């Protein structure tokens, strides 16, 4: 992760912020709180918070405003992983090299922890002390997260993913699936951070949206490539798990070389979208580079 500027700094910042959010909660059921803590703080690259922070940095937004956006996004992401790992969904035993939440605790605790982390995301956005200029935009931020995480976003994408299991779907269907399942939260990471900029044109928001969409798709293409080219130790989960689950992937549809060419093409288009922006977007360009060059 050393190729990403200030990644460790932002990773530590969001970890501290999330831990503080959990510490604020009155203890009702200790086991549930521990399952929430396990699911939220078990580790991870914190890509969505990082993307929000570097977008805010490029646009001159206050870090304290971005904290809430980064925290809410990571709560949604963490809850989705807890639920995705369940036997009724992807049925995974490992996550980030450690037992999945339902294995470390039990299925009921994992379901409830996911539910609680989802509501914590909106709690953070609703009650965070945003700077004066951003406070009027709180409802917009909540609406953006709803769109990205619900039926029209991540959840809808997961449903399409499940319905496509054991079926062959075409490239357009696969791209729609992943634009919702993976891309929606990455897009929200950029656009929610953009709402915290003091001045930004609608044209610049459109360029950022295009960048985020392209990076989100490249992220999933590279994930599919990594799933068959990296070791189980690097992945922190069984190698080839998507293929074993009979899911359509970019390498399966395009071949490994074709998938690699697609990731590179998406990367170049993302850089072109950034080139139109009147800001220092080097960190965003570096993020896109990292996405298509990573091996795990």
C-alpha atoms as a PDB file:
ATOM      1  CA  UNK A   1       0.000   0.000   0.000  1.00  0.00           C
ATOM      2  CA  UNK A   2       3.057   2.266   0.051  1.00  0.00           C
ATOM      3  CA  UNK A   3       2.221   3.377  -3.510  1.00  0.00           C
ATOM      4  CA  UNK A   4      -0.784   5.288  -2.183  1.00  0.00           C
ATOM      5  CA  UNK A   5       0.146   8.664  -0.704  1.00  0.00           C
ATOM      6  CA  UNK A   6      -0.886   9.093   2.939  1.00  0.00           C
ATOM      7  CA  UNK A   7      -2.709   5.769   2.924  1.00  0.00           C
ATOM      8  CA  UNK A   8      -1.512   4.680   6.362  1.00  0.00           C
ATOM      9  CA  UNK A   9      -2.361   8.107   7.779  1.00  0.00           C
ATOM     10  CA  UNK A  10      -5.913   7.973   6.448  1.00  0.00           C
ATOM     11  CA  UNK A  11      -6.272   4.304   7.380  1.00  0.00           C
ATOM     12  CA  UNK A  12      -5.361   5.131  10.976  1.00  0.00           C
ATOM     13  CA  UNK A  13      -7.626   8.175  10.946  1.00  0.00           C
ATOM     14  CA  UNK A  14     -10.701   6.200   9.853  1.00  0.00           C
ATOM     15  CA  UNK A  15      -9.912   3.317  12.210  1.00  0.00           C
ATOM     16  CA  UNK A  16      -9.753   5.754  15.127  1.00  0.00           C
ATOM     17  CA  UNK A  17     -12.972   7.444  14.001  1.00  0.00           C
ATOM     18  CA  UNK A  18     -14.835   4.134  13.685  1.00  0.00           C
ATOM     19  CA  UNK A  19     -13.564   2.856  17.035  1.00  0.00           C
ATOM     20  CA  UNK A  20     -14.782   6.104  18.624  1.00  0.00           C
ATOM     21  CA  UNK A  21     -18.241   5.621  17.088  1.00  0.00           C
ATOM     22  CA  UNK A  22     -18.499   2.158  18.632  1.00  0.00           C
ATOM     23  CA  UNK A  23     -17.223   3.418  21.969  1.00  0.00           C
ATOM     24  CA  UNK A  24     -20.057   5.962  22.061  1.00  0.00           C
ATOM     25  CA  UNK A  25     -22.702   3.240  22.027  1.00  0.00           C
ATOM     26  CA  UNK A  26     -24.380   2.295  25.278  1.00  0.00           C
ATOM     27  CA  UNK A  27     -23.748  -1.378  25.960  1.00  0.00           C
ATOM     28  CA  UNK A  28     -26.929  -3.403  25.651  1.00  0.00           C
ATOM     29  CA  UNK A  29     -25.840  -6.813  24.406  1.00  0.00           C
ATOM     30  CA  UNK A  30     -22.070  -7.262  24.772  1.00  0.00           C
ATOM     31  CA  UNK A  31     -21.857 -10.104  22.265  1.00  0.00           C
ATOM     32  CA  UNK A  32     -23.545  -8.084  19.529  1.00  0.00           C
ATOM     33  CA  UNK A  33     -21.278  -5.102  20.150  1.00  0.00           C
ATOM     34  CA  UNK A  34     -18.219  -7.358  19.933  1.00  0.00           C
ATOM     35  CA  UNK A  35     -19.492  -8.855  16.684  1.00  0.00           C
ATOM     36  CA  UNK A  36     -19.948  -5.314  15.320  1.00  0.00           C
ATOM     37  CA  UNK A  37     -16.444  -4.407  16.437  1.00  0.00           C
ATOM     38  CA  UNK A  38     -15.056  -7.580  14.885  1.00  0.00           C
ATOM     39  CA  UNK A  39     -16.772  -6.929  11.567  1.00  0.00           C
ATOM     40  CA  UNK A  40     -15.857  -3.248  11.420  1.00  0.00           C
ATOM     41  CA  UNK A  41     -12.317  -3.238  12.815  1.00  0.00           C
ATOM     42  CA  UNK A  42     -10.990  -6.630  11.671  1.00  0.00           C
ATOM     43  CA  UNK A  43      -8.766  -4.846   9.156  1.00  0.00           C
ATOM     44  CA  UNK A  44      -8.951  -4.182   5.446  1.00  0.00           C
ATOM     45  CA  UNK A  45      -7.495  -1.710   3.002  1.00  0.00           C
ATOM     46  CA  UNK A  46     -10.171   0.958   3.689  1.00  0.00           C
ATOM     47  CA  UNK A  47     -10.345   1.788  -0.017  1.00  0.00           C
ATOM     48  CA  UNK A  48     -13.670   3.634   0.148  1.00  0.00           C
ATOM     49  CA  UNK A  49     -12.645   5.902   3.041  1.00  0.00           C
ATOM     50  CA  UNK A  50      -9.285   6.495   1.376  1.00  0.00           C
ATOM     51  CA  UNK A  51     -10.978   7.481  -1.878  1.00  0.00           C
ATOM     52  CA  UNK A  52     -13.256   9.885   0.011  1.00  0.00           C
ATOM     53  CA  UNK A  53     -10.290  11.454   1.818  1.00  0.00           C
ATOM     54  CA  UNK A  54      -8.169  11.986  -1.300  1.00  0.00           C
ATOM     55  CA  UNK A  55     -11.160  13.376  -3.205  1.00  0.00           C
ATOM     56  CA  UNK A  56     -11.778  15.814  -0.371  1.00  0.00           C
ATOM     57  CA  UNK A  57      -8.085  16.657  -0.295  1.00  0.00           C
ATOM     58  CA  UNK A  58      -8.069  17.420  -4.027  1.00  0.00           C
ATOM     59  CA  UNK A  59     -11.129  19.663  -3.707  1.00  0.00           C
ATOM     60  CA  UNK A  60     -10.066  21.465  -0.529  1.00  0.00           C
ATOM     61  CA  UNK A  61     -12.755  19.971   1.715  1.00  0.00           C
ATOM     62  CA  UNK A  62     -12.341  19.844   5.498  1.00  0.00           C
ATOM     63  CA  UNK A  63     -11.090  16.485   6.783  1.00  0.00           C
ATOM     64  CA  UNK A  64     -13.514  16.593   9.687  1.00  0.00           C
ATOM     65  CA  UNK A  65     -16.387  16.672   7.185  1.00  0.00           C
ATOM     66  CA  UNK A  66     -14.902  13.775   5.224  1.00  0.00           C
ATOM     67  CA  UNK A  67     -14.565  11.747   8.450  1.00  0.00           C
ATOM     68  CA  UNK A  68     -18.326  11.228   8.586  1.00  0.00           C
ATOM     69  CA  UNK A  69     -18.558  10.276   4.923  1.00  0.00           C
ATOM     70  CA  UNK A  70     -15.639   7.854   5.182  1.00  0.00           C
ATOM     71  CA  UNK A  71     -17.044   6.341   8.377  1.00  0.00           C
ATOM     72  CA  UNK A  72     -20.546   5.895   6.973  1.00  0.00           C
ATOM     73  CA  UNK A  73     -19.235   4.297   3.783  1.00  0.00           C
ATOM     74  CA  UNK A  74     -17.065   1.847   5.697  1.00  0.00           C
ATOM     75  CA  UNK A  75     -19.956   0.870   7.971  1.00  0.00           C
ATOM     76  CA  UNK A  76     -22.039   0.051   4.896  1.00  0.00           C
ATOM     77  CA  UNK A  77     -19.165  -1.870   3.328  1.00  0.00           C
ATOM     78  CA  UNK A  78     -18.505  -3.819   6.537  1.00  0.00           C
ATOM     79  CA  UNK A  79     -22.165  -4.739   6.979  1.00  0.00           C
ATOM     80  CA  UNK A  80     -22.323  -5.958   3.389  1.00  0.00           C
ATOM     81  CA  UNK A  81     -19.312  -8.223   3.938  1.00  0.00           C
ATOM     82  CA  UNK A  82     -20.827  -9.739   7.089  1.00  0.00           C
ATOM     83  CA  UNK A  83     -23.981 -10.589   5.167  1.00  0.00           C
ATOM     84  CA  UNK A  84     -22.209 -11.634   1.949  1.00  0.00           C
ATOM     85  CA  UNK A  85     -20.136 -14.194   3.869  1.00  0.00           C
ATOM     86  CA  UNK A  86     -23.202 -15.969   5.303  1.00  0.00           C
ATOM     87  CA  UNK A  87     -24.137 -19.492   4.159  1.00  0.00           C
ATOM     88  CA  UNK A  88     -27.258 -18.149   2.432  1.00  0.00           C
ATOM     89  CA  UNK A  89     -25.095 -15.846   0.300  1.00  0.00           C
ATOM     90  CA  UNK A  90     -21.439 -16.577  -0.573  1.00  0.00           C
ATOM     91  CA  UNK A  91     -20.853 -19.069   2.282  1.00  0.00           C
ATOM     92  CA  UNK A  92     -17.262 -18.006   3.035  1.00  0.00           C
ATOM     93  CA  UNK A  93     -15.238 -19.125   6.052  1.00  0.00           C
ATOM     94  CA  UNK A  94     -12.397 -16.608   5.710  1.00  0.00           C
ATOM     95  CA  UNK A  95     -12.322 -12.840   5.393  1.00  0.00           C
ATOM     96  CA  UNK A  96      -9.001 -10.973   5.346  1.00  0.00           C
ATOM     97  CA  UNK A  97      -7.274 -14.143   6.478  1.00  0.00           C
ATOM     98  CA  UNK A  98      -9.447 -14.482   9.583  1.00  0.00           C
ATOM     99  CA  UNK A  99     -12.652 -16.387  10.354  1.00  0.00           C
ATOM    100  CA  UNK A 100     -15.726 -14.656   8.978  1.00  0.00           C
ATOM    101  CA  UNK A 101     -18.038 -13.101  11.557  1.00  0.00           C
ATOM    102  CA  UNK A 102     -20.549 -15.943  11.520  1.00  0.00           C
ATOM    103  CA  UNK A 103     -17.689 -18.383  12.138  1.00  0.00           C
ATOM    104  CA  UNK A 104     -16.099 -16.295  14.903  1.00  0.00           C
ATOM    105  CA  UNK A 105     -19.518 -15.780  16.548  1.00  0.00           C
ATOM    106  CA  UNK A 106     -22.640 -17.333  14.993  1.00  0.00           C
ATOM    107  CA  UNK A 107     -25.000 -16.645  12.097  1.00  0.00           C
ATOM    108  CA  UNK A 108     -27.564 -14.714  14.137  1.00  0.00           C
ATOM    109  CA  UNK A 109     -24.889 -12.440  15.592  1.00  0.00           C
ATOM    110  CA  UNK A 110     -23.420 -11.804  12.140  1.00  0.00           C
ATOM    111  CA  UNK A 111     -26.841 -10.868  10.739  1.00  0.00           C
ATOM    112  CA  UNK A 112     -27.602  -8.540  13.636  1.00  0.00           C
ATOM    113  CA  UNK A 113     -24.104  -7.009  13.563  1.00  0.00           C
ATOM    114  CA  UNK A 114     -24.585  -6.252   9.875  1.00  0.00           C
ATOM    115  CA  UNK A 115     -27.996  -4.720  10.546  1.00  0.00           C
ATOM    116  CA  UNK A 116     -26.581  -2.571  13.334  1.00  0.00           C
ATOM    117  CA  UNK A 117     -23.605  -1.400  11.255  1.00  0.00           C
ATOM    118  CA  UNK A 118     -25.953  -0.389   8.453  1.00  0.00           C
ATOM    119  CA  UNK A 119     -27.981   1.841  10.785  1.00  0.00           C
ATOM    120  CA  UNK A 120     -24.764   3.171  12.352  1.00  0.00           C
ATOM    121  CA  UNK A 121     -23.785   4.507   8.926  1.00  0.00           C
ATOM    122  CA  UNK A 122     -26.859   6.730   8.775  1.00  0.00           C
ATOM    123  CA  UNK A 123     -26.526   7.617  12.466  1.00  0.00           C
ATOM    124  CA  UNK A 124     -23.061   8.997  11.687  1.00  0.00           C
ATOM    125  CA  UNK A 125     -24.286  11.128   8.777  1.00  0.00           C
ATOM    126  CA  UNK A 126     -27.365  12.378  10.625  1.00  0.00           C
ATOM    127  CA  UNK A 127     -25.574  13.382  13.830  1.00  0.00           C
ATOM    128  CA  UNK A 128     -22.063  14.421  12.758  1.00  0.00           C
ATOM    129  CA  UNK A 129     -21.057  18.006  13.444  1.00  0.00           C
ATOM    130  CA  UNK A 130     -20.389  19.116   9.876  1.00  0.00           C
ATOM    131  CA  UNK A 131     -18.889  22.534   9.177  1.00  0.00           C
ATOM    132  CA  UNK A 132     -21.401  25.342   8.785  1.00  0.00           C
ATOM    133  CA  UNK A 133     -21.434  25.339   4.966  1.00  0.00           C
ATOM    134  CA  UNK A 134     -21.940  21.574   4.792  1.00  0.00           C
ATOM    135  CA  UNK A 135     -24.690  21.201   7.417  1.00  0.00           C
ATOM    136  CA  UNK A 136     -27.438  22.172   4.923  1.00  0.00           C
ATOM    137  CA  UNK A 137     -26.221  19.341   2.677  1.00  0.00           C
ATOM    138  CA  UNK A 138     -26.632  16.570   5.259  1.00  0.00           C
ATOM    139  CA  UNK A 139     -29.875  15.367   3.693  1.00  0.00           C
ATOM    140  CA  UNK A 140     -28.166  15.220   0.275  1.00  0.00           C
ATOM    141  CA  UNK A 141     -25.361  13.099   1.745  1.00  0.00           C
ATOM    142  CA  UNK A 142     -27.885  10.740   3.340  1.00  0.00           C
ATOM    143  CA  UNK A 143     -29.775  10.485   0.049  1.00  0.00           C
ATOM    144  CA  UNK A 144     -26.554   9.684  -1.808  1.00  0.00           C
ATOM    145  CA  UNK A 145     -25.687   6.892   0.617  1.00  0.00           C
ATOM    146  CA  UNK A 146     -29.226   5.482   0.398  1.00  0.00           C
ATOM    147  CA  UNK A 147     -29.003   5.381  -3.388  1.00  0.00           C
ATOM    148  CA  UNK A 148     -25.544   3.771  -3.347  1.00  0.00           C
ATOM    149  CA  UNK A 149     -26.271   1.130  -0.718  1.00  0.00           C
ATOM    150  CA  UNK A 150     -29.889   0.076  -1.272  1.00  0.00           C
ATOM    151  CA  UNK A 151     -31.954  -1.526  -4.003  1.00  0.00           C
ATOM    152  CA  UNK A 152     -30.685   0.930  -6.620  1.00  0.00           C
ATOM    153  CA  UNK A 153     -27.083   0.292  -5.612  1.00  0.00           C
ATOM    154  CA  UNK A 154     -25.120  -2.312  -3.706  1.00  0.00           C
ATOM    155  CA  UNK A 155     -28.031  -4.501  -2.538  1.00  0.00           C
ATOM    156  CA  UNK A 156     -29.525  -4.568  -6.014  1.00  0.00           C
ATOM    157  CA  UNK A 157     -26.147  -5.560  -7.408  1.00  0.00           C
ATOM    158  CA  UNK A 158     -25.782  -8.377  -4.894  1.00  0.00           C
ATOM    159  CA  UNK A 159     -29.226  -9.677  -5.856  1.00  0.00           C
ATOM    160  CA  UNK A 160     -28.220  -9.662  -9.531  1.00  0.00           C
ATOM    161  CA  UNK A 161     -25.016 -11.479  -8.579  1.00  0.00           C
ATOM    162  CA  UNK A 162     -26.933 -14.209  -6.753  1.00  0.00           C
ATOM    163  CA  UNK A 163     -29.451 -14.618  -9.577  1.00  0.00           C
ATOM    164  CA  UNK A 164     -26.585 -14.934 -12.091  1.00  0.00           C
ATOM    165  CA  UNK A 165     -24.949 -17.818 -10.212  1.00  0.00           C
ATOM    166  CA  UNK A 166     -24.882 -21.028 -12.295  1.00  0.00           C
ATOM    167  CA  UNK A 167     -25.886 -18.978 -15.341  1.00  0.00           C
ATOM    168  CA  UNK A 168     -23.909 -17.445 -18.167  1.00  0.00           C
ATOM    169  CA  UNK A 169     -24.552 -13.731 -18.503  1.00  0.00           C
ATOM    170  CA  UNK A 170     -23.202 -11.398 -21.158  1.00  0.00           C
ATOM    171  CA  UNK A 171     -20.711  -8.592 -20.694  1.00  0.00           C
ATOM    172  CA  UNK A 172     -23.353  -5.837 -20.490  1.00  0.00           C
ATOM    173  CA  UNK A 173     -25.205  -7.706 -17.746  1.00  0.00           C
ATOM    174  CA  UNK A 174     -21.970  -8.331 -15.855  1.00  0.00           C
ATOM    175  CA  UNK A 175     -21.037  -4.660 -16.048  1.00  0.00           C
ATOM    176  CA  UNK A 176     -24.467  -3.588 -14.769  1.00  0.00           C
ATOM    177  CA  UNK A 177     -24.192  -6.077 -11.908  1.00  0.00           C
ATOM    178  CA  UNK A 178     -20.800  -4.766 -10.810  1.00  0.00           C
ATOM    179  CA  UNK A 179     -21.629  -1.093 -11.374  1.00  0.00           C
ATOM    180  CA  UNK A 180     -24.226  -1.599  -8.642  1.00  0.00           C
ATOM    181  CA  UNK A 181     -22.605  -4.179  -6.364  1.00  0.00           C
ATOM    182  CA  UNK A 182     -19.094  -2.684  -6.265  1.00  0.00           C
ATOM    183  CA  UNK A 183     -19.146   0.555  -8.203  1.00  0.00           C
ATOM    184  CA  UNK A 184     -21.995   2.325  -6.413  1.00  0.00           C
ATOM    185  CA  UNK A 185     -20.148   2.727  -3.098  1.00  0.00           C
ATOM    186  CA  UNK A 186     -16.914   3.743  -4.824  1.00  0.00           C
ATOM    187  CA  UNK A 187     -18.844   6.335  -6.802  1.00  0.00           C
ATOM    188  CA  UNK A 188     -20.456   7.571  -3.581  1.00  0.00           C
ATOM    189  CA  UNK A 189     -17.008   7.876  -2.012  1.00  0.00           C
ATOM    190  CA  UNK A 190     -16.123  10.460  -4.641  1.00  0.00           C
ATOM    191  CA  UNK A 191     -19.453  12.256  -5.042  1.00  0.00           C
ATOM    192  CA  UNK A 192     -20.231  12.531  -1.325  1.00  0.00           C
ATOM    193  CA  UNK A 193     -16.776  14.004  -0.747  1.00  0.00           C
ATOM    194  CA  UNK A 194     -17.392  16.417  -3.627  1.00  0.00           C
ATOM    195  CA  UNK A 195     -20.485  17.723  -1.798  1.00  0.00           C
ATOM    196  CA  UNK A 196     -18.134  18.894   0.944  1.00  0.00           C
ATOM    197  CA  UNK A 197     -16.150  21.137  -1.404  1.00  0.00           C
ATOM    198  CA  UNK A 198     -16.833  24.836  -0.889  1.00  0.00           C
ATOM    199  CA  UNK A 199     -17.151  25.482  -4.619  1.00  0.00           C
ATOM    200  CA  UNK A 200     -17.451  22.934  -7.407  1.00  0.00           C
ATOM    201  CA  UNK A 201     -19.270  23.124 -10.740  1.00  0.00           C
ATOM    202  CA  UNK A 202     -21.795  20.594 -11.977  1.00  0.00           C
ATOM    203  CA  UNK A 203     -19.447  19.923 -14.899  1.00  0.00           C
ATOM    204  CA  UNK A 204     -16.640  19.010 -12.525  1.00  0.00           C
ATOM    205  CA  UNK A 205     -18.992  16.737 -10.575  1.00  0.00           C
ATOM    206  CA  UNK A 206     -19.842  14.948 -13.821  1.00  0.00           C
ATOM    207  CA  UNK A 207     -16.154  14.409 -14.579  1.00  0.00           C
ATOM    208  CA  UNK A 208     -15.619  13.029 -11.078  1.00  0.00           C
ATOM    209  CA  UNK A 209     -18.652  10.778 -11.475  1.00  0.00           C
ATOM    210  CA  UNK A 210     -17.283   9.392 -14.744  1.00  0.00           C
ATOM    211  CA  UNK A 211     -13.886   8.814 -13.118  1.00  0.00           C
ATOM    212  CA  UNK A 212     -15.504   7.015 -10.187  1.00  0.00           C
ATOM    213  CA  UNK A 213     -17.636   4.810 -12.434  1.00  0.00           C
ATOM    214  CA  UNK A 214     -14.628   3.787 -14.512  1.00  0.00           C
ATOM    215  CA  UNK A 215     -12.482   3.102 -11.446  1.00  0.00           C
ATOM    216  CA  UNK A 216     -15.304   1.126  -9.840  1.00  0.00           C
ATOM    217  CA  UNK A 217     -15.576  -1.122 -12.884  1.00  0.00           C
ATOM    218  CA  UNK A 218     -11.799  -1.469 -13.147  1.00  0.00           C
ATOM    219  CA  UNK A 219     -11.740  -2.448  -9.470  1.00  0.00           C
ATOM    220  CA  UNK A 220     -14.024  -5.406 -10.129  1.00  0.00           C
ATOM    221  CA  UNK A 221     -12.274  -6.473 -13.338  1.00  0.00           C
ATOM    222  CA  UNK A 222      -8.984  -6.538 -11.446  1.00  0.00           C
ATOM    223  CA  UNK A 223     -10.633  -8.403  -8.547  1.00  0.00           C
ATOM    224  CA  UNK A 224     -11.713 -11.114 -10.987  1.00  0.00           C
ATOM    225  CA  UNK A 225      -8.188 -11.300 -12.385  1.00  0.00           C
ATOM    226  CA  UNK A 226      -6.670 -11.496  -8.909  1.00  0.00           C
ATOM    227  CA  UNK A 227      -9.105 -14.254  -7.930  1.00  0.00           C
ATOM    228  CA  UNK A 228      -7.366 -16.612 -10.356  1.00  0.00           C
ATOM    229  CA  UNK A 229      -3.802 -15.251 -10.400  1.00  0.00           C
ATOM    230  CA  UNK A 230      -3.028 -14.696  -6.693  1.00  0.00           C
ATOM    231  CA  UNK A 231      -2.375 -17.194  -3.916  1.00  0.00           C
ATOM    232  CA  UNK A 232      -4.801 -17.981  -1.108  1.00  0.00           C
ATOM    233  CA  UNK A 233      -2.322 -16.399   1.313  1.00  0.00           C
ATOM    234  CA  UNK A 234      -2.377 -13.127  -0.652  1.00  0.00           C
ATOM    235  CA  UNK A 235      -6.153 -13.157  -1.007  1.00  0.00           C
ATOM    236  CA  UNK A 236      -6.967 -14.056   2.582  1.00  0.00           C
ATOM    237  CA  UNK A 237      -9.655 -16.399   1.211  1.00  0.00           C
ATOM    238  CA  UNK A 238      -9.778 -19.467  -1.051  1.00  0.00           C
ATOM    239  CA  UNK A 239      -8.282 -18.917  -4.519  1.00  0.00           C
ATOM    240  CA  UNK A 240     -10.741 -19.092  -7.396  1.00  0.00           C
ATOM    241  CA  UNK A 241     -13.737 -18.761  -5.078  1.00  0.00           C
ATOM    242  CA  UNK A 242     -15.828 -16.946  -7.701  1.00  0.00           C
ATOM    243  CA  UNK A 243     -15.192 -19.621 -10.320  1.00  0.00           C
ATOM    244  CA  UNK A 244     -15.886 -22.347  -7.770  1.00  0.00           C
ATOM    245  CA  UNK A 245     -19.229 -20.674  -7.031  1.00  0.00           C
ATOM    246  CA  UNK A 246     -20.077 -20.737 -10.765  1.00  0.00           C
ATOM    247  CA  UNK A 247     -20.186 -16.959 -11.064  1.00  0.00           C
ATOM    248  CA  UNK A 248     -19.623 -15.108 -14.316  1.00  0.00           C
ATOM    249  CA  UNK A 249     -16.334 -13.203 -14.281  1.00  0.00           C
ATOM    250  CA  UNK A 250     -14.459 -11.011 -16.739  1.00  0.00           C
ATOM    251  CA  UNK A 251     -11.708 -13.610 -17.332  1.00  0.00           C
ATOM    252  CA  UNK A 252     -14.391 -16.242 -17.935  1.00  0.00           C
ATOM    253  CA  UNK A 253     -16.082 -14.044 -20.563  1.00  0.00           C
ATOM    254  CA  UNK A 254     -13.043 -12.341 -22.076  1.00  0.00           C
ATOM    255  CA  UNK A 255     -10.157 -14.649 -21.223  1.00  0.00           C
ATOM    256  CA  UNK A 256      -7.381 -13.564 -18.881  1.00  0.00           C
ATOM    257  CA  UNK A 257      -5.628 -11.389 -21.458  1.00  0.00           C
ATOM    258  CA  UNK A 258      -8.912  -9.836 -22.561  1.00  0.00           C
ATOM    259  CA  UNK A 259      -9.781  -8.995 -18.945  1.00  0.00           C
ATOM    260  CA  UNK A 260      -6.348  -7.438 -18.416  1.00  0.00           C
ATOM    261  CA  UNK A 261      -6.793  -5.334 -21.568  1.00  0.00           C
ATOM    262  CA  UNK A 262     -10.220  -4.203 -20.355  1.00  0.00           C
ATOM    263  CA  UNK A 263      -8.801  -3.141 -16.981  1.00  0.00           C
ATOM    264  CA  UNK A 264      -6.096  -1.128 -18.760  1.00  0.00           C
ATOM    265  CA  UNK A 265      -8.659   0.513 -21.057  1.00  0.00           C
ATOM    266  CA  UNK A 266     -10.848   1.525 -18.119  1.00  0.00           C
ATOM    267  CA  UNK A 267      -7.771   2.898 -16.362  1.00  0.00           C
ATOM    268  CA  UNK A 268      -6.854   5.108 -19.329  1.00  0.00           C
ATOM    269  CA  UNK A 269     -10.427   6.425 -19.590  1.00  0.00           C
ATOM    270  CA  UNK A 270     -10.407   7.265 -15.868  1.00  0.00           C
ATOM    271  CA  UNK A 271      -7.223   9.294 -16.317  1.00  0.00           C
ATOM    272  CA  UNK A 272      -8.834  11.149 -19.229  1.00  0.00           C
ATOM    273  CA  UNK A 273     -11.801  12.073 -17.033  1.00  0.00           C
ATOM    274  CA  UNK A 274      -9.442  13.519 -14.421  1.00  0.00           C
ATOM    275  CA  UNK A 275      -7.541  15.525 -17.030  1.00  0.00           C
ATOM    276  CA  UNK A 276     -10.520  17.860 -17.480  1.00  0.00           C
ATOM    277  CA  UNK A 277     -10.571  18.896 -13.815  1.00  0.00           C
ATOM    278  CA  UNK A 278      -8.963  22.170 -12.599  1.00  0.00           C
ATOM    279  CA  UNK A 279      -7.632  20.566  -9.404  1.00  0.00           C
ATOM    280  CA  UNK A 280      -4.550  18.654  -8.311  1.00  0.00           C
ATOM    281  CA  UNK A 281      -5.857  15.143  -8.933  1.00  0.00           C
ATOM    282  CA  UNK A 282      -2.564  13.252  -8.723  1.00  0.00           C
ATOM    283  CA  UNK A 283      -3.750  11.209  -5.733  1.00  0.00           C
ATOM    284  CA  UNK A 284      -6.873  10.191  -7.648  1.00  0.00           C
ATOM    285  CA  UNK A 285      -4.717   9.178 -10.625  1.00  0.00           C
ATOM    286  CA  UNK A 286      -2.447   7.190  -8.301  1.00  0.00           C
ATOM    287  CA  UNK A 287      -5.509   5.473  -6.841  1.00  0.00           C
ATOM    288  CA  UNK A 288      -6.622   4.388 -10.316  1.00  0.00           C
ATOM    289  CA  UNK A 289      -3.098   3.108 -10.988  1.00  0.00           C
ATOM    290  CA  UNK A 290      -3.127   1.126  -7.758  1.00  0.00           C
ATOM    291  CA  UNK A 291      -6.497  -0.444  -8.590  1.00  0.00           C
ATOM    292  CA  UNK A 292      -5.318  -1.958 -11.864  1.00  0.00           C
ATOM    293  CA  UNK A 293      -1.784  -2.875 -10.721  1.00  0.00           C
ATOM    294  CA  UNK A 294      -2.570  -4.550  -7.362  1.00  0.00           C
ATOM    295  CA  UNK A 295      -2.103  -8.286  -6.882  1.00  0.00           C
ATOM    296  CA  UNK A 296      -4.378  -8.803  -3.883  1.00  0.00           C
END
